[in-house]
PDB file of N, CA and C in Angstrom:
ATOM      1  N   MET A   1      13.083 -17.149  45.372  1.00  0.00           N
ATOM      2  CA  MET A   1      13.633 -15.993  45.720  1.00  0.00           C
ATOM      3  C   MET A   1      14.635 -15.358  44.633  1.00  0.00           C
ATOM      4  N   SER A   2      14.589 -13.828  44.472  1.00  0.00           N
ATOM      5  CA  SER A   2      15.202 -13.171  43.454  1.00  0.00           C
ATOM      6  C   SER A   2      16.624 -13.133  43.933  1.00  0.00           C
ATOM      7  N   LYS A   3      17.464 -12.837  42.591  1.00  0.00           N
ATOM      8  CA  LYS A   3      18.707 -12.850  42.963  1.00  0.00           C
ATOM      9  C   LYS A   3      19.212 -11.431  43.489  1.00  0.00           C
ATOM     10  N   SER A   4      20.086 -10.982  44.349  1.00  0.00           N
ATOM     11  CA  SER A   4      20.670  -9.968  44.632  1.00  0.00           C
ATOM     12  C   SER A   4      21.979  -9.369  44.150  1.00  0.00           C
ATOM     13  N   LEU A   5      21.402  -8.015  43.725  1.00  0.00           N
ATOM     14  CA  LEU A   5      22.514  -7.423  42.865  1.00  0.00           C
ATOM     15  C   LEU A   5      23.403  -6.357  44.030  1.00  0.00           C
ATOM     16  N   SER A   6      24.777  -6.037  43.839  1.00  0.00           N
ATOM     17  CA  SER A   6      25.301  -4.919  44.328  1.00  0.00           C
ATOM     18  C   SER A   6      25.323  -3.821  43.916  1.00  0.00           C
ATOM     19  N   VAL A   7      24.879  -2.591  44.286  1.00  0.00           N
ATOM     20  CA  VAL A   7      24.692  -1.344  43.735  1.00  0.00           C
ATOM     21  C   VAL A   7      25.684  -0.293  44.648  1.00  0.00           C
ATOM     22  N   THR A   8      26.567   0.414  43.890  1.00  0.00           N
ATOM     23  CA  THR A   8      27.486   1.441  44.101  1.00  0.00           C
ATOM     24  C   THR A   8      27.134   2.693  44.085  1.00  0.00           C
ATOM     25  N   PHE A   9      27.080   3.520  44.645  1.00  0.00           N
ATOM     26  CA  PHE A   9      26.682   5.056  43.715  1.00  0.00           C
ATOM     27  C   PHE A   9      27.614   5.817  45.099  1.00  0.00           C
ATOM     28  N   ARG A  10      27.437   7.210  45.030  1.00  0.00           N
ATOM     29  CA  ARG A  10      28.551   8.368  45.543  1.00  0.00           C
ATOM     30  C   ARG A  10      27.189   9.279  46.248  1.00  0.00           C
ATOM     31  N   MET A  11      27.651   9.812  47.416  1.00  0.00           N
ATOM     32  CA  MET A  11      26.697  10.800  48.053  1.00  0.00           C
ATOM     33  C   MET A  11      27.844  11.672  48.803  1.00  0.00           C
ATOM     34  N   SER A  12      27.358  13.059  48.819  1.00  0.00           N
ATOM     35  CA  SER A  12      28.005  13.611  49.816  1.00  0.00           C
ATOM     36  C   SER A  12      28.279  13.464  51.283  1.00  0.00           C
ATOM     37  N   ALA A  13      29.503  13.914  51.803  1.00  0.00           N
ATOM     38  CA  ALA A  13      29.801  13.706  53.395  1.00  0.00           C
ATOM     39  C   ALA A  13      28.924  13.848  54.003  1.00  0.00           C
ATOM     40  N   GLU A  14      28.476  15.196  53.974  1.00  0.00           N
ATOM     41  CA  GLU A  14      26.978  15.351  54.879  1.00  0.00           C
ATOM     42  C   GLU A  14      26.056  14.690  54.748  1.00  0.00           C
ATOM     43  N   LEU A  15      25.452  14.076  53.497  1.00  0.00           N
ATOM     44  CA  LEU A  15      24.671  13.258  53.552  1.00  0.00           C
ATOM     45  C   LEU A  15      24.774  11.909  53.803  1.00  0.00           C
ATOM     46  N   SER A  16      26.112  11.407  53.640  1.00  0.00           N
ATOM     47  CA  SER A  16      26.510  10.379  54.450  1.00  0.00           C
ATOM     48  C   SER A  16      26.704  10.311  56.012  1.00  0.00           C
ATOM     49  N   ALA A  17      26.690  11.238  56.270  1.00  0.00           N
ATOM     50  CA  ALA A  17      26.685  11.355  57.982  1.00  0.00           C
ATOM     51  C   ALA A  17      25.159  11.559  58.269  1.00  0.00           C
ATOM     52  N   THR A  18      24.709  11.961  57.769  1.00  0.00           N
ATOM     53  CA  THR A  18      23.182  12.024  57.856  1.00  0.00           C
ATOM     54  C   THR A  18      22.765  10.647  57.837  1.00  0.00           C
ATOM     55  N   PHE A  19      22.970   9.975  56.923  1.00  0.00           N
ATOM     56  CA  PHE A  19      22.255   8.422  56.560  1.00  0.00           C
ATOM     57  C   PHE A  19      22.725   7.440  57.595  1.00  0.00           C
ATOM     58  N   ASN A  20      24.115   7.526  58.005  1.00  0.00           N
ATOM     59  CA  ASN A  20      24.507   7.006  59.078  1.00  0.00           C
ATOM     60  C   ASN A  20      23.622   7.140  60.434  1.00  0.00           C
ATOM     61  N   ASP A  21      23.586   8.000  60.766  1.00  0.00           N
ATOM     62  CA  ASP A  21      23.130   8.469  61.928  1.00  0.00           C
ATOM     63  C   ASP A  21      21.409   8.057  62.012  1.00  0.00           C
ATOM     64  N   ALA A  22      20.706   8.028  60.700  1.00  0.00           N
ATOM     65  CA  ALA A  22      19.375   7.551  60.770  1.00  0.00           C
ATOM     66  C   ALA A  22      19.570   6.058  60.962  1.00  0.00           C
ATOM     67  N   VAL A  23      20.267   5.290  60.407  1.00  0.00           N
ATOM     68  CA  VAL A  23      20.683   3.783  60.363  1.00  0.00           C
ATOM     69  C   VAL A  23      20.981   3.712  62.086  1.00  0.00           C
ATOM     70  N   SER A  24      21.886   4.281  62.596  1.00  0.00           N
ATOM     71  CA  SER A  24      21.993   4.015  63.791  1.00  0.00           C
ATOM     72  C   SER A  24      20.921   4.222  64.807  1.00  0.00           C
ATOM     73  N   ALA A  25      19.877   5.324  64.711  1.00  0.00           N
ATOM     74  CA  ALA A  25      18.545   5.578  65.134  1.00  0.00           C
ATOM     75  C   ALA A  25      17.657   4.439  65.254  1.00  0.00           C
ATOM     76  N   ALA A  26      17.713   3.783  64.007  1.00  0.00           N
ATOM     77  CA  ALA A  26      16.993   2.987  63.358  1.00  0.00           C
ATOM     78  C   ALA A  26      17.084   1.353  64.089  1.00  0.00           C
ATOM     79  N   GLY A  27      18.076   1.486  64.330  1.00  0.00           N
ATOM     80  CA  GLY A  27      18.776  -0.025  64.823  1.00  0.00           C
ATOM     81  C   GLY A  27      19.222  -1.002  63.915  1.00  0.00           C
ATOM     82  N   GLY A  28      18.801  -0.687  62.686  1.00  0.00           N
ATOM     83  CA  GLY A  28      19.062  -1.746  61.715  1.00  0.00           C
ATOM     84  C   GLY A  28      20.666  -1.498  60.868  1.00  0.00           C
ATOM     85  N   ASP A  29      20.473  -2.325  59.810  1.00  0.00           N
ATOM     86  CA  ASP A  29      21.991  -2.276  58.889  1.00  0.00           C
ATOM     87  C   ASP A  29      21.318  -1.420  57.826  1.00  0.00           C
ATOM     88  N   LYS A  30      22.591  -0.881  56.917  1.00  0.00           N
ATOM     89  CA  LYS A  30      22.321  -0.083  55.979  1.00  0.00           C
ATOM     90  C   LYS A  30      21.748  -0.519  54.841  1.00  0.00           C
ATOM     91  N   THR A  31      21.739  -1.736  54.661  1.00  0.00           N
ATOM     92  CA  THR A  31      21.339  -2.016  53.386  1.00  0.00           C
ATOM     93  C   THR A  31      19.667  -2.299  53.794  1.00  0.00           C
ATOM     94  N   ALA A  32      18.864  -2.882  54.525  1.00  0.00           N
ATOM     95  CA  ALA A  32      18.165  -2.867  55.201  1.00  0.00           C
ATOM     96  C   ALA A  32      17.395  -1.675  54.975  1.00  0.00           C
ATOM     97  N   TRP A  33      17.936  -0.559  55.639  1.00  0.00           N
ATOM     98  CA  TRP A  33      17.689   0.928  55.735  1.00  0.00           C
ATOM     99  C   TRP A  33      17.216   1.506  54.251  1.00  0.00           C
ATOM    100  N   LEU A  34      18.272   1.337  53.410  1.00  0.00           N
ATOM    101  CA  LEU A  34      17.986   1.803  51.773  1.00  0.00           C
ATOM    102  C   LEU A  34      16.926   1.056  51.248  1.00  0.00           C
ATOM    103  N   ILE A  35      16.715  -0.252  51.355  1.00  0.00           N
ATOM    104  CA  ILE A  35      15.827  -0.844  50.733  1.00  0.00           C
ATOM    105  C   ILE A  35      14.741  -0.268  50.967  1.00  0.00           C
ATOM    106  N   ASP A  36      14.171  -0.401  52.583  1.00  0.00           N
ATOM    107  CA  ASP A  36      13.180   0.134  52.845  1.00  0.00           C
ATOM    108  C   ASP A  36      12.854   1.678  52.600  1.00  0.00           C
ATOM    109  N   ALA A  37      13.878   2.567  52.484  1.00  0.00           N
ATOM    110  CA  ALA A  37      13.630   3.904  51.979  1.00  0.00           C
ATOM    111  C   ALA A  37      13.369   4.116  50.519  1.00  0.00           C
ATOM    112  N   ILE A  38      13.939   2.979  49.661  1.00  0.00           N
ATOM    113  CA  ILE A  38      13.685   2.927  48.134  1.00  0.00           C
ATOM    114  C   ILE A  38      12.039   2.011  47.953  1.00  0.00           C
ATOM    115  N   GLY A  39      11.826   1.527  48.885  1.00  0.00           N
ATOM    116  CA  GLY A  39      10.620   0.828  48.333  1.00  0.00           C
ATOM    117  C   GLY A  39       9.475   1.726  48.912  1.00  0.00           C
ATOM    118  N   GLN A  40       9.718   2.767  49.910  1.00  0.00           N
ATOM    119  CA  GLN A  40       8.803   3.766  50.024  1.00  0.00           C
ATOM    120  C   GLN A  40       8.831   4.815  49.010  1.00  0.00           C
ATOM    121  N   LYS A  41      10.008   5.120  48.858  1.00  0.00           N
ATOM    122  CA  LYS A  41       9.613   6.224  47.372  1.00  0.00           C
ATOM    123  C   LYS A  41       9.049   5.405  46.389  1.00  0.00           C
ATOM    124  N   LEU A  42       9.219   4.114  46.002  1.00  0.00           N
ATOM    125  CA  LEU A  42       8.607   3.764  45.010  1.00  0.00           C
ATOM    126  C   LEU A  42       7.131   3.430  44.974  1.00  0.00           C
ATOM    127  N   ASN A  43       6.772   3.518  46.614  1.00  0.00           N
ATOM    128  CA  ASN A  43       5.175   3.151  46.620  1.00  0.00           C
ATOM    129  C   ASN A  43       5.038   1.545  46.628  1.00  0.00           C
ATOM    130  N   ARG A  44       6.165   1.049  46.911  1.00  0.00           N
ATOM    131  CA  ARG A  44       6.295  -0.457  47.041  1.00  0.00           C
ATOM    132  C   ARG A  44       5.612  -1.215  48.194  1.00  0.00           C
ATOM    133  N   PRO A  45       5.075  -2.087  48.696  1.00  0.00           N
ATOM    134  CA  PRO A  45       4.644  -2.368  50.026  1.00  0.00           C
ATOM    135  C   PRO A  45       5.947  -3.062  50.540  1.00  0.00           C
ATOM    136  N   ASP A  46       5.893  -3.228  51.858  1.00  0.00           N
ATOM    137  CA  ASP A  46       6.820  -4.026  52.742  1.00  0.00           C
ATOM    138  C   ASP A  46       6.906  -5.262  52.494  1.00  0.00           C
ATOM    139  N   ASN A  47       7.830  -6.141  52.268  1.00  0.00           N
ATOM    140  CA  ASN A  47       8.034  -7.692  52.241  1.00  0.00           C
ATOM    141  C   ASN A  47       7.834  -8.697  53.486  1.00  0.00           C
ATOM    142  N   ASN A  48       7.824  -7.417  54.554  1.00  0.00           N
ATOM    143  CA  ASN A  48       7.760  -8.209  55.943  1.00  0.00           C
ATOM    144  C   ASN A  48       6.029  -8.087  56.451  1.00  0.00           C
ATOM    145  N   PRO A  49       5.557  -9.220  56.307  1.00  0.00           N
ATOM    146  CA  PRO A  49       4.041  -9.003  56.822  1.00  0.00           C
ATOM    147  C   PRO A  49       3.546  -8.726  58.420  1.00  0.00           C
ATOM    148  N   ASP A  50       4.765  -8.710  59.185  1.00  0.00           N
ATOM    149  CA  ASP A  50       4.709  -7.801  60.500  1.00  0.00           C
ATOM    150  C   ASP A  50       4.681  -6.496  60.376  1.00  0.00           C
ATOM    151  N   LYS A  51       5.406  -6.047  59.521  1.00  0.00           N
ATOM    152  CA  LYS A  51       5.607  -4.417  59.218  1.00  0.00           C
ATOM    153  C   LYS A  51       4.333  -4.029  58.722  1.00  0.00           C
ATOM    154  N   ARG A  52       3.595  -4.889  57.432  1.00  0.00           N
ATOM    155  CA  ARG A  52       2.756  -4.273  56.659  1.00  0.00           C
ATOM    156  C   ARG A  52       1.264  -4.410  57.655  1.00  0.00           C
ATOM    157  N   LEU A  53       1.091  -5.439  58.646  1.00  0.00           N
ATOM    158  CA  LEU A  53       0.329  -5.117  59.571  1.00  0.00           C
ATOM    159  C   LEU A  53       0.180  -4.389  60.561  1.00  0.00           C
ATOM    160  N   MET A  54       1.356  -3.856  61.074  1.00  0.00           N
ATOM    161  CA  MET A  54       1.334  -3.072  61.960  1.00  0.00           C
ATOM    162  C   MET A  54       1.134  -1.361  61.539  1.00  0.00           C
ATOM    163  N   ALA A  55       1.854  -1.136  60.147  1.00  0.00           N
ATOM    164  CA  ALA A  55       1.173  -0.224  59.379  1.00  0.00           C
ATOM    165  C   ALA A  55      -0.105   0.122  59.432  1.00  0.00           C
ATOM    166  N   LEU A  56      -1.135  -1.115  58.790  1.00  0.00           N
ATOM    167  CA  LEU A  56      -2.435  -1.169  58.672  1.00  0.00           C
ATOM    168  C   LEU A  56      -3.203  -0.777  59.994  1.00  0.00           C
ATOM    169  N   VAL A  57      -2.526  -1.262  61.050  1.00  0.00           N
ATOM    170  CA  VAL A  57      -3.171  -1.192  62.546  1.00  0.00           C
ATOM    171  C   VAL A  57      -2.893   0.548  62.955  1.00  0.00           C
ATOM    172  N   GLU A  58      -1.765   0.958  62.387  1.00  0.00           N
ATOM    173  CA  GLU A  58      -1.415   2.428  62.676  1.00  0.00           C
ATOM    174  C   GLU A  58      -2.500   3.267  61.954  1.00  0.00           C
ATOM    175  N   ARG A  59      -2.730   2.774  60.623  1.00  0.00           N
ATOM    176  CA  ARG A  59      -3.631   3.591  59.926  1.00  0.00           C
ATOM    177  C   ARG A  59      -5.013   3.626  60.580  1.00  0.00           C
ATOM    178  N   ILE A  60      -5.330   2.498  61.095  1.00  0.00           N
ATOM    179  CA  ILE A  60      -6.904   2.509  61.499  1.00  0.00           C
ATOM    180  C   ILE A  60      -6.752   2.983  62.558  1.00  0.00           C
ATOM    181  N   GLU A  61      -6.002   3.018  63.530  1.00  0.00           N
ATOM    182  CA  GLU A  61      -6.001   3.832  64.542  1.00  0.00           C
ATOM    183  C   GLU A  61      -5.973   5.384  64.483  1.00  0.00           C
ATOM    184  N   ALA A  62      -5.355   5.913  63.724  1.00  0.00           N
ATOM    185  CA  ALA A  62      -5.562   7.267  63.044  1.00  0.00           C
ATOM    186  C   ALA A  62      -6.791   7.461  62.614  1.00  0.00           C
ATOM    187  N   ALA A  63      -7.298   6.772  62.015  1.00  0.00           N
ATOM    188  CA  ALA A  63      -8.797   7.009  61.417  1.00  0.00           C
ATOM    189  C   ALA A  63      -9.802   7.000  62.527  1.00  0.00           C
ATOM    190  N   ALA A  64      -9.633   6.018  63.257  1.00  0.00           N
ATOM    191  CA  ALA A  64     -10.601   5.974  64.515  1.00  0.00           C
ATOM    192  C   ALA A  64     -10.350   7.211  65.343  1.00  0.00           C
ATOM    193  N   ALA A  65      -9.144   7.802  65.799  1.00  0.00           N
ATOM    194  CA  ALA A  65      -9.138   8.508  66.528  1.00  0.00           C
ATOM    195  C   ALA A  65      -9.693  10.053  66.106  1.00  0.00           C
ATOM    196  N   SER A  66      -9.242  10.186  64.460  1.00  0.00           N
ATOM    197  CA  SER A  66      -9.673  11.372  63.957  1.00  0.00           C
ATOM    198  C   SER A  66     -11.305  11.363  63.807  1.00  0.00           C
ATOM    199  N   LEU A  67     -11.917  10.215  63.770  1.00  0.00           N
ATOM    200  CA  LEU A  67     -13.410   9.869  63.642  1.00  0.00           C
ATOM    201  C   LEU A  67     -14.094  10.380  65.320  1.00  0.00           C
ATOM    202  N   ILE A  68     -13.530  10.028  66.287  1.00  0.00           N
ATOM    203  CA  ILE A  68     -14.070  10.196  67.477  1.00  0.00           C
ATOM    204  C   ILE A  68     -13.854  11.269  68.004  1.00  0.00           C
ATOM    205  N   CYS A  69     -12.796  12.331  67.547  1.00  0.00           N
ATOM    206  CA  CYS A  69     -12.352  13.649  67.916  1.00  0.00           C
ATOM    207  C   CYS A  69     -13.209  14.369  66.979  1.00  0.00           C
ATOM    208  N   ARG A  70     -13.638  13.972  65.848  1.00  0.00           N
ATOM    209  CA  ARG A  70     -14.539  14.942  64.896  1.00  0.00           C
ATOM    210  C   ARG A  70     -15.877  14.838  65.706  1.00  0.00           C
ATOM    211  N   GLN A  71     -16.334  13.833  65.981  1.00  0.00           N
ATOM    212  CA  GLN A  71     -17.695  13.592  66.689  1.00  0.00           C
ATOM    213  C   GLN A  71     -17.655  14.628  67.710  1.00  0.00           C
ATOM    214  N   ALA A  72     -16.679  14.171  68.688  1.00  0.00           N
ATOM    215  CA  ALA A  72     -16.654  15.182  69.569  1.00  0.00           C
ATOM    216  C   ALA A  72     -16.442  16.672  69.703  1.00  0.00           C
ATOM    217  N   GLY A  73     -15.949  17.180  68.719  1.00  0.00           N
ATOM    218  CA  GLY A  73     -16.185  18.366  68.298  1.00  0.00           C
ATOM    219  C   GLY A  73     -14.724  19.103  68.677  1.00  0.00           C
ATOM    220  N   CYS A  74     -13.547  18.015  68.570  1.00  0.00           N
ATOM    221  CA  CYS A  74     -12.507  18.578  68.647  1.00  0.00           C
ATOM    222  C   CYS A  74     -11.676  19.803  67.715  1.00  0.00           C
ATOM    223  N   SER A  75     -10.953  20.606  67.880  1.00  0.00           N
ATOM    224  CA  SER A  75     -10.862  21.797  67.021  1.00  0.00           C
ATOM    225  C   SER A  75      -9.451  21.439  66.515  1.00  0.00           C
ATOM    226  N   TRP A  76      -8.598  20.245  67.084  1.00  0.00           N
ATOM    227  CA  TRP A  76      -7.431  20.373  66.624  1.00  0.00           C
ATOM    228  C   TRP A  76      -7.177  19.324  65.405  1.00  0.00           C
ATOM    229  N   ILE A  77      -8.159  18.337  64.947  1.00  0.00           N
ATOM    230  CA  ILE A  77      -8.103  17.937  63.976  1.00  0.00           C
ATOM    231  C   ILE A  77      -8.567  18.722  62.699  1.00  0.00           C
ATOM    232  N   ALA A  78      -7.749  18.324  61.680  1.00  0.00           N
ATOM    233  CA  ALA A  78      -7.837  19.323  60.373  1.00  0.00           C
ATOM    234  C   ALA A  78      -8.749  18.418  59.661  1.00  0.00           C
TER     235      ALA A  78
END
């Protein structure tokens, strides 16, 4: 396991309030939320295998729905 470091930074009061609201809505903690957001911004995969699997399932479902709809002639699919 890699060593954990403490990182400190400043943000506007408005951004801080928005951040706190997002963390509360997600039901997690600030550290986990930030690590996930930074990982997404850096295009790094999630370390949680369950989350990676769920993301893959969601992508497969979206692709299948798009294919089915395209074959059926749906007009709302881009």
